[in-house]
């Protein structure tokens, strides 16, 4: 699918969220993201090597109990400080990193629930998100779309799991 010009609702993002939620509700379940290696014109990623590598990491950690990073960053919490949303994550082995030239794919809203694209920067083990149009953030979304731009990874070069802080 084409990349959306503006942030909005997405049935694909909700499906991804449901898939990710299974890892928190069921034992011995892993998630191998391919969101960063897909093709807008083909739902099946051609890069099977990285998909297989990521599945293998999940199996090593979950099934065999080996101490390997098997997931990209997973949203943990948000706090608002001085008009900016500070996000913390689990699975940040090796630190938070940008894949490419800038953090992209973050949107923020205020009490009006109107999302706008946001600026984001890595500060230590957190991501700080803000937008001039939203002086008091209420919620943040990352890679929330049909074909989202997503550039946040951890030191193992695994992509961050898409999320919304305002999950019902």
Protein backbone atom coordinates (compact mmCIF):
# COMPACT_ATOMS: atom_id res chain seq x y z
CA UNK A 1 0.00 0.00 0.00
CA UNK A 2 1.04 3.57 -0.48
CA UNK A 3 2.48 5.45 2.48
CA UNK A 4 -0.04 7.84 4.04
CA UNK A 5 0.70 11.55 3.75
CA UNK A 6 -0.80 12.27 7.19
CA UNK A 7 -1.10 10.19 10.34
CA UNK A 8 -4.43 8.43 10.76
CA UNK A 9 -6.25 5.25 11.56
CA UNK A 10 -5.12 1.97 10.03
CA UNK A 11 -6.61 -1.51 10.07
CA UNK A 12 -3.14 -2.90 9.23
CA UNK A 13 -1.65 -1.16 12.27
CA UNK A 14 -4.39 -2.63 14.47
CA UNK A 15 -3.66 -6.09 13.07
CA UNK A 16 0.05 -5.64 13.84
CA UNK A 17 -0.87 -4.51 17.35
CA UNK A 18 -2.98 -7.64 17.89
CA UNK A 19 -0.10 -9.83 16.70
CA UNK A 20 2.32 -8.09 19.07
CA UNK A 21 -0.14 -8.46 21.96
CA UNK A 22 -0.01 -12.25 21.65
CA UNK A 23 3.58 -12.12 22.89
CA UNK A 24 2.37 -10.59 26.17
CA UNK A 25 -0.65 -12.87 26.62
CA UNK A 26 0.60 -16.31 25.64
CA UNK A 27 3.67 -18.19 26.89
CA UNK A 28 6.55 -19.10 24.58
CA UNK A 29 5.46 -16.82 21.74
CA UNK A 30 7.81 -14.60 19.75
CA UNK A 31 7.40 -11.99 17.06
CA UNK A 32 9.69 -11.57 14.06
CA UNK A 33 9.01 -8.20 12.48
CA UNK A 34 9.47 -7.70 8.76
CA UNK A 35 7.95 -4.21 8.66
CA UNK A 36 11.26 -2.61 7.70
CA UNK A 37 12.20 -5.03 4.91
CA UNK A 38 8.94 -5.26 3.00
CA UNK A 39 7.80 -3.82 -0.29
CA UNK A 40 4.88 -1.40 -0.68
CA UNK A 41 3.67 -3.40 -3.68
CA UNK A 42 4.02 -6.90 -2.19
CA UNK A 43 2.80 -8.04 1.24
CA UNK A 44 5.38 -10.85 1.25
CA UNK A 45 8.91 -9.61 1.90
CA UNK A 46 11.45 -10.82 -0.65
CA UNK A 47 14.22 -10.62 1.92
CA UNK A 48 13.68 -14.08 3.39
CA UNK A 49 17.18 -14.19 4.88
CA UNK A 50 16.46 -11.48 7.46
CA UNK A 51 13.02 -12.90 8.22
CA UNK A 52 14.61 -16.30 8.86
CA UNK A 53 17.39 -14.77 10.98
CA UNK A 54 14.83 -12.94 13.13
CA UNK A 55 12.72 -16.07 13.55
CA UNK A 56 15.87 -17.96 14.52
CA UNK A 57 16.75 -15.36 17.18
CA UNK A 58 13.26 -15.69 18.70
CA UNK A 59 13.59 -19.48 18.74
CA UNK A 60 17.06 -19.29 20.34
CA UNK A 61 15.82 -17.03 23.13
CA UNK A 62 12.34 -18.41 23.76
CA UNK A 63 12.66 -22.12 23.00
CA UNK A 64 16.30 -22.66 23.93
CA UNK A 65 16.76 -20.04 26.64
CA UNK A 66 19.88 -18.52 25.10
CA UNK A 67 20.80 -14.98 26.03
CA UNK A 68 20.39 -13.29 22.63
CA UNK A 69 18.44 -10.19 21.74
CA UNK A 70 15.48 -11.43 19.73
CA UNK A 71 13.20 -8.40 19.57
CA UNK A 72 13.48 -4.81 18.55
CA UNK A 73 12.55 -2.09 21.05
CA UNK A 74 9.13 -2.57 22.65
CA UNK A 75 7.27 0.45 24.06
CA UNK A 76 7.18 0.40 27.87
CA UNK A 77 6.01 3.80 29.14
CA UNK A 78 5.51 7.47 28.37
CA UNK A 79 5.85 10.57 30.48
CA UNK A 80 5.40 14.19 29.43
CA UNK A 81 8.11 16.61 30.49
CA UNK A 82 8.19 20.24 29.39
CA UNK A 83 5.77 19.67 26.52
CA UNK A 84 7.62 16.65 25.13
CA UNK A 85 6.75 12.96 25.34
CA UNK A 86 9.56 10.82 26.71
CA UNK A 87 9.23 7.19 25.71
CA UNK A 88 10.99 4.25 27.33
CA UNK A 89 11.39 0.76 25.92
CA UNK A 90 12.37 -2.78 26.71
CA UNK A 91 14.65 -4.78 24.38
CA UNK A 92 17.21 -2.02 23.97
CA UNK A 93 20.29 -4.21 24.12
CA UNK A 94 23.13 -2.25 22.52
CA UNK A 95 21.14 0.99 22.78
CA UNK A 96 18.52 2.71 20.69
CA UNK A 97 19.65 3.61 17.18
CA UNK A 98 18.43 5.19 13.96
CA UNK A 99 18.39 3.12 10.80
CA UNK A 100 18.98 5.72 8.12
CA UNK A 101 19.39 9.45 8.46
CA UNK A 102 16.66 10.39 10.96
CA UNK A 103 14.01 8.98 13.28
CA UNK A 104 10.78 8.82 11.31
CA UNK A 105 7.31 7.41 11.80
CA UNK A 106 6.36 9.17 15.05
CA UNK A 107 3.08 11.04 15.41
CA UNK A 108 1.76 12.89 18.45
CA UNK A 109 -1.58 14.34 19.52
CA UNK A 110 -2.98 16.53 22.23
CA UNK A 111 -6.33 16.28 23.99
CA UNK A 112 -8.09 16.88 20.63
CA UNK A 113 -6.80 13.46 19.40
CA UNK A 114 -5.63 14.99 16.09
CA UNK A 115 -2.33 13.37 15.25
CA UNK A 116 0.47 15.24 13.50
CA UNK A 117 3.88 14.06 12.42
CA UNK A 118 6.44 14.67 15.13
CA UNK A 119 10.13 15.19 15.55
CA UNK A 120 11.87 12.48 17.53
CA UNK A 121 15.35 12.14 18.98
CA UNK A 122 17.13 9.48 20.91
CA UNK A 123 18.30 10.68 24.32
CA UNK A 124 20.14 7.88 26.08
CA UNK A 125 17.69 5.01 26.56
CA UNK A 126 14.62 7.10 25.66
CA UNK A 127 13.05 8.66 22.60
CA UNK A 128 11.84 12.25 23.00
CA UNK A 129 8.91 13.16 20.75
CA UNK A 130 7.44 16.61 20.10
CA UNK A 131 5.62 18.78 17.59
CA UNK A 132 5.17 22.55 17.63
CA UNK A 133 1.44 22.06 16.92
CA UNK A 134 1.04 19.95 20.09
CA UNK A 135 2.25 21.90 23.14
CA UNK A 136 0.88 19.31 25.60
CA UNK A 137 1.17 15.77 24.19
CA UNK A 138 -1.38 13.18 25.28
CA UNK A 139 -0.46 10.23 23.08
CA UNK A 140 2.21 9.06 20.64
CA UNK A 141 2.07 6.53 17.83
CA UNK A 142 4.97 4.92 16.04
CA UNK A 143 4.88 3.16 12.67
CA UNK A 144 1.10 3.39 12.84
CA UNK A 145 -0.12 3.08 9.28
CA UNK A 146 -0.69 0.76 6.35
CA UNK A 147 2.87 1.17 5.06
CA UNK A 148 4.66 3.15 7.77
CA UNK A 149 8.08 4.65 7.79
CA UNK A 150 10.03 3.14 10.66
CA UNK A 151 13.65 3.79 11.49
CA UNK A 152 14.02 3.00 15.21
CA UNK A 153 16.13 -0.09 15.94
CA UNK A 154 18.22 -1.46 18.79
CA UNK A 155 21.89 -2.40 18.84
CA UNK A 156 21.04 -5.80 17.32
CA UNK A 157 19.59 -3.89 14.31
CA UNK A 158 16.10 -5.21 15.06
CA UNK A 159 13.21 -2.84 14.29
CA UNK A 160 11.02 -1.35 17.01
CA UNK A 161 7.60 -2.90 17.38
CA UNK A 162 4.93 -0.45 16.13
CA UNK A 163 2.79 0.93 18.94
CA UNK A 164 0.31 3.47 20.20
CA UNK A 165 0.42 4.83 23.73
CA UNK A 166 -3.35 5.35 23.68
CA UNK A 167 -4.24 1.68 23.19
CA UNK A 168 -7.81 1.04 24.37
